[in-house]
Amino acid sequence: MRIAVVGASGRIGREVVDVLRSRGHEVLGVTRSSGVDVYAAEGLAQALAGADIVVDAVNATTTETAAVTDFFRTVARNVQRAAAAAGVRRIALVSIIGIDRFTAGHYAGKLAQEHAYREGPVPVRILRAAQFHEFTEMMLDWTTRGDTAYVPKYRAQLVAARTVAEKLAEMAIEDNGAELVEIAGPHELELAAAVARVATLRGRPARVEEIVDTDDPDHELQADGALLPGHEALLAGPTFEEWLEHKYPARP
């Protein structure tokens, strides 16, 4: 099967490419470095020509609400238009669990992306994932000031990026798959506590402090568990502790 992966160089995209190629599929990486600008639709028609399936794992470089919403909505519409012209059978999209009530930032952008894809002619399957284990490392990078990381209060059920990629690849290629699936890790945890475990293993920063970010209009949703999986979600390992053991092996 010939499968185009939009955002093939990103965290999920590169894992999806690896999974699909390991299963014998021909994969077309759709990235800026390959000459495609999906937001401007430059090179997109040529990139999708001959593709049977499209996987969208593209990410945005901004979290400002208006900009990120415009980005994801525009990309979805461009991909739908090009996919329909190319005769693509379906599109598989990675999104985020629990975003329906969110009004700001990245979550609002992903919700706009889902809606735009559903408005198009090519059938879409959506994998809503919990935040990745790797999100803890990103939070450290984003929130560390001096010797302290200031992490927003956030109930999470983190899942490995590789696990999400494997499920997204499966949803892309299976003939009779579900239109919407949720996937999360096995256990709920507090994000600040998980980030603190990473900080300890890295040896920096010295402290991780949980905060309430009242500048975020959706901070109560995050703190109250809106981003936790529903009862029918697929729960899949590795656990966060198992991921840590693999990512930060103990030195002899």
Protein backbone atom coordinates (compact mmCIF):
# COMPACT_ATOMS: atom_id res chain seq x y z
CA MET A 1 0.00 0.00 0.00
CA ARG A 2 1.23 3.54 -0.80
CA ILE A 3 0.85 5.81 2.23
CA ALA A 4 1.67 9.51 2.49
CA VAL A 5 2.61 10.70 5.99
CA VAL A 6 2.14 14.43 6.53
CA GLY A 7 4.58 15.62 9.18
CA ALA A 8 6.83 12.62 8.64
CA SER A 9 9.77 14.19 10.46
CA GLY A 10 7.87 14.95 13.69
CA ARG A 11 7.65 12.98 16.91
CA ILE A 12 4.71 10.82 15.84
CA GLY A 13 5.28 11.08 12.10
CA ARG A 14 8.73 9.52 12.12
CA GLU A 15 7.49 6.67 14.30
CA VAL A 16 4.55 6.05 11.95
CA VAL A 17 6.91 5.99 8.97
CA ASP A 18 9.06 3.40 10.72
CA VAL A 19 6.07 1.23 11.67
CA LEU A 20 4.56 1.30 8.18
CA ARG A 21 7.84 0.56 6.42
CA SER A 22 8.52 -2.33 8.80
CA ARG A 23 5.18 -3.77 7.67
CA GLY A 24 6.12 -3.57 4.00
CA HIS A 25 4.25 -0.44 2.91
CA GLU A 26 5.60 2.21 0.57
CA VAL A 27 5.78 5.44 2.57
CA LEU A 28 5.93 8.96 1.17
CA GLY A 29 7.22 11.51 3.68
CA VAL A 30 5.44 14.85 3.31
CA THR A 31 7.62 17.48 4.97
CA ARG A 32 9.07 20.92 4.35
CA SER A 33 12.44 19.34 3.70
CA SER A 34 10.86 17.29 0.90
CA GLY A 35 9.60 20.51 -0.69
CA VAL A 36 6.01 20.51 0.58
CA ASP A 37 4.34 23.35 2.48
CA VAL A 38 1.02 21.89 3.63
CA TYR A 39 -0.20 25.23 5.01
CA ALA A 40 0.33 27.01 1.69
CA ALA A 41 -0.55 23.80 -0.23
CA GLU A 42 2.67 24.14 -2.19
CA GLY A 43 3.78 20.79 -3.58
CA LEU A 44 0.94 18.98 -1.81
CA ALA A 45 -0.92 17.74 -4.88
CA GLN A 46 2.26 16.23 -6.29
CA ALA A 47 3.15 14.66 -2.92
CA LEU A 48 -0.21 12.88 -2.62
CA ALA A 49 -0.39 11.72 -6.23
CA GLY A 50 -0.76 7.94 -6.30
CA ALA A 51 -1.25 7.62 -2.53
CA ASP A 52 -3.83 5.15 -1.25
CA ILE A 53 -3.89 6.50 2.32
CA VAL A 54 -2.85 9.73 4.04
CA VAL A 55 -1.72 9.93 7.67
CA ASP A 56 -1.70 13.41 9.20
CA ALA A 57 0.77 13.77 12.06
CA VAL A 58 1.72 17.39 11.39
CA ASN A 59 2.39 19.69 14.32
CA ALA A 60 2.31 23.47 14.77
CA THR A 61 5.14 25.72 15.87
CA THR A 62 2.85 28.06 17.82
CA THR A 63 0.32 27.70 20.64
CA GLU A 64 -1.27 31.14 20.18
CA THR A 65 -4.96 30.35 19.79
CA ALA A 66 -5.83 32.25 16.60
CA ALA A 67 -2.63 31.24 14.82
CA VAL A 68 -2.69 27.57 15.76
CA THR A 69 -6.39 27.25 14.95
CA ASP A 70 -5.84 28.82 11.53
CA PHE A 71 -2.85 26.56 10.90
CA PHE A 72 -4.56 23.27 11.71
CA ARG A 73 -7.84 24.19 10.01
CA THR A 74 -6.07 25.32 6.84
CA VAL A 75 -3.85 22.23 6.70
CA ALA A 76 -6.87 19.93 7.10
CA ARG A 77 -8.74 21.65 4.29
CA ASN A 78 -5.70 21.59 2.01
CA VAL A 79 -5.02 17.91 2.67
CA GLN A 80 -8.69 17.01 2.15
CA ARG A 81 -8.76 18.87 -1.17
CA ALA A 82 -5.53 17.31 -2.45
CA ALA A 83 -6.44 13.85 -1.17
CA ALA A 84 -9.81 13.94 -2.91
CA ALA A 85 -8.19 14.99 -6.19
CA ALA A 86 -5.65 12.16 -5.86
CA GLY A 87 -8.30 9.51 -5.20
CA VAL A 88 -7.07 8.78 -1.67
CA ARG A 89 -9.24 6.19 0.09
CA ARG A 90 -9.03 7.61 3.61
CA ILE A 91 -7.14 9.86 5.99
CA ALA A 92 -5.93 8.92 9.48
CA LEU A 93 -5.37 11.77 11.94
CA VAL A 94 -3.74 11.86 15.36
CA SER A 95 -5.51 14.18 17.79
CA ILE A 96 -5.89 14.61 21.56
CA ILE A 97 -8.25 13.05 24.10
CA GLY A 98 -10.85 15.27 25.74
CA ILE A 99 -10.45 18.48 23.75
CA ASP A 100 -14.14 19.14 23.02
CA ARG A 101 -14.54 21.75 25.77
CA PHE A 102 -11.19 23.51 25.28
CA THR A 103 -11.20 27.04 23.88
CA ALA A 104 -7.55 28.05 23.75
CA GLY A 105 -4.10 27.10 22.50
CA HIS A 106 -3.04 23.84 20.92
CA TYR A 107 -6.16 21.98 22.06
CA ALA A 108 -8.48 24.45 20.34
CA GLY A 109 -6.38 24.14 17.20
CA LYS A 110 -6.63 20.35 17.16
CA LEU A 111 -10.40 20.53 17.63
CA ALA A 112 -10.66 22.88 14.65
CA GLN A 113 -8.52 20.42 12.67
CA GLU A 114 -10.87 17.53 13.46
CA HIS A 115 -13.91 19.55 12.39
CA ALA A 116 -12.28 20.66 9.14
CA TYR A 117 -11.33 17.10 8.23
CA ARG A 118 -14.85 15.85 8.89
CA GLU A 119 -16.24 18.50 6.54
CA GLY A 120 -14.24 17.12 3.61
CA PRO A 121 -15.11 14.38 1.12
CA VAL A 122 -12.44 11.81 2.04
CA PRO A 123 -13.36 9.55 5.00
CA VAL A 124 -11.36 10.34 8.13
CA ARG A 125 -10.36 8.17 11.07
CA ILE A 126 -9.25 9.97 14.21
CA LEU A 127 -7.00 8.60 16.93
CA ARG A 128 -7.36 10.73 20.04
CA ALA A 129 -4.31 10.14 22.21
CA ALA A 130 -3.37 11.13 25.73
CA GLN A 131 -0.24 13.23 26.08
CA PHE A 132 2.94 11.28 25.42
CA HIS A 133 5.49 10.15 27.99
CA GLU A 134 7.85 12.42 26.09
CA PHE A 135 5.62 15.39 27.04
CA THR A 136 7.30 15.39 30.45
CA GLU A 137 10.64 16.26 28.86
CA MET A 138 9.03 19.01 26.83
CA MET A 139 7.46 20.46 29.97
CA LEU A 140 10.87 20.64 31.61
CA ASP A 141 12.28 22.47 28.61
CA TRP A 142 9.34 24.89 28.49
CA THR A 143 8.85 25.69 32.16
CA THR A 144 12.29 25.66 33.81
CA ARG A 145 13.39 29.01 35.18
CA GLY A 146 16.70 28.91 37.01
CA ASP A 147 16.71 25.83 39.25
CA THR A 148 12.91 25.31 39.23
CA ALA A 149 10.38 23.98 36.72
CA TYR A 150 6.89 25.43 37.14
CA VAL A 151 4.45 22.78 35.87
CA PRO A 152 0.70 23.48 35.57
CA LYS A 153 -1.68 21.29 37.59
CA TYR A 154 -2.71 18.59 35.16
CA ARG A 155 -4.18 15.12 35.55
CA ALA A 156 -2.81 12.85 32.84
CA GLN A 157 -2.65 9.27 31.66
CA LEU A 158 0.54 9.43 29.63
CA VAL A 159 1.18 7.03 26.75
CA ALA A 160 4.30 6.22 24.74
CA ALA A 161 4.62 7.96 21.37
CA ARG A 162 5.60 4.64 19.76
CA THR A 163 2.43 3.01 21.05
CA VAL A 164 0.34 5.81 19.54
CA ALA A 165 2.18 5.51 16.23
CA GLU A 166 1.53 1.77 16.06
CA LYS A 167 -2.20 2.28 16.61
CA LEU A 168 -2.35 5.16 14.12
CA ALA A 169 -0.67 3.01 11.48
CA GLU A 170 -3.13 0.21 12.19
CA MET A 171 -6.11 2.56 11.83
CA ALA A 172 -4.71 3.87 8.54
CA ILE A 173 -4.39 0.49 6.86
CA GLU A 174 -7.25 -1.62 8.24
CA ASP A 175 -10.29 -1.91 5.96
CA ASN A 176 -13.08 -1.83 8.52
CA GLY A 177 -11.72 0.33 11.32
CA ALA A 178 -13.49 2.62 13.76
CA GLU A 179 -13.88 6.30 12.91
CA LEU A 180 -12.79 7.44 16.38
CA VAL A 181 -10.53 5.71 18.92
CA GLU A 182 -9.03 6.93 22.19
CA ILE A 183 -5.67 5.64 23.43
CA ALA A 184 -3.91 6.29 26.73
CA GLY A 185 -1.40 4.72 29.09
CA PRO A 186 -2.33 2.26 31.83
CA HIS A 187 -2.22 4.61 34.81
CA GLU A 188 -3.38 8.08 35.81
CA LEU A 189 -0.81 10.41 37.35
CA GLU A 190 -0.20 14.05 38.16
CA LEU A 191 1.91 15.68 35.47
CA ALA A 192 4.09 17.61 37.94
CA ALA A 193 4.99 14.38 39.73
CA ALA A 194 5.89 12.71 36.43
CA VAL A 195 8.00 15.70 35.39
CA ALA A 196 9.76 15.59 38.76
CA ARG A 197 10.76 11.95 38.10
CA VAL A 198 12.35 13.00 34.81
CA ALA A 199 14.12 15.92 36.49
CA THR A 200 15.57 13.57 39.11
CA LEU A 201 16.89 11.20 36.45
CA ARG A 202 18.33 14.05 34.41
CA GLY A 203 19.84 15.65 37.48
CA ARG A 204 18.24 19.02 36.79
CA PRO A 205 16.46 21.23 37.61
CA ALA A 206 16.67 20.97 41.37
CA ARG A 207 12.94 21.52 41.97
CA VAL A 208 9.62 20.96 40.21
CA GLU A 209 6.74 23.07 41.49
CA GLU A 210 3.10 22.48 40.60
CA ILE A 211 1.29 25.73 39.81
CA VAL A 212 -2.18 26.91 38.81
CA ASP A 213 -1.82 28.89 35.61
CA THR A 214 -4.78 31.27 35.78
CA ASP A 215 -3.65 32.93 32.53
CA ASP A 216 -4.78 29.76 30.75
CA PRO A 217 -8.57 29.90 30.29
CA ASP A 218 -8.68 26.09 30.27
CA HIS A 219 -6.58 25.52 33.40
CA GLU A 220 -9.52 24.14 35.40
CA LEU A 221 -10.28 21.56 32.70
CA GLN A 222 -6.69 20.30 32.80
CA ALA A 223 -6.62 20.19 36.58
CA ASP A 224 -10.00 18.43 36.82
CA GLY A 225 -9.11 15.60 34.43
CA ALA A 226 -10.78 16.66 31.18
CA LEU A 227 -7.84 15.16 29.28
CA LEU A 228 -8.20 11.72 30.84
CA PRO A 229 -9.48 8.83 28.67
CA GLY A 230 -13.08 7.67 28.62
CA HIS A 231 -14.32 4.24 29.66
CA GLU A 232 -14.00 2.78 26.14
CA ALA A 233 -10.44 3.97 25.54
CA LEU A 234 -7.67 1.57 24.61
CA LEU A 235 -5.16 1.47 27.48
CA ALA A 236 -1.72 0.38 26.36
CA GLY A 237 1.78 0.20 27.76
CA PRO A 238 4.55 0.66 28.42
CA THR A 239 3.84 2.32 31.75
CA PHE A 240 5.53 5.62 32.52
CA GLU A 241 7.98 3.86 34.85
CA GLU A 242 8.84 1.29 32.18
CA TRP A 243 9.39 4.08 29.69
CA LEU A 244 11.68 5.86 32.15
CA GLU A 245 13.72 2.69 32.68
CA HIS A 246 14.22 2.41 28.92
CA LYS A 247 14.91 6.11 28.32
CA TYR A 248 17.13 6.66 31.36
CA PRO A 249 18.83 3.32 32.04
CA ALA A 250 20.68 3.03 35.33
CA ARG A 251 24.41 3.33 34.94
CA PRO A 252 26.46 0.36 36.17
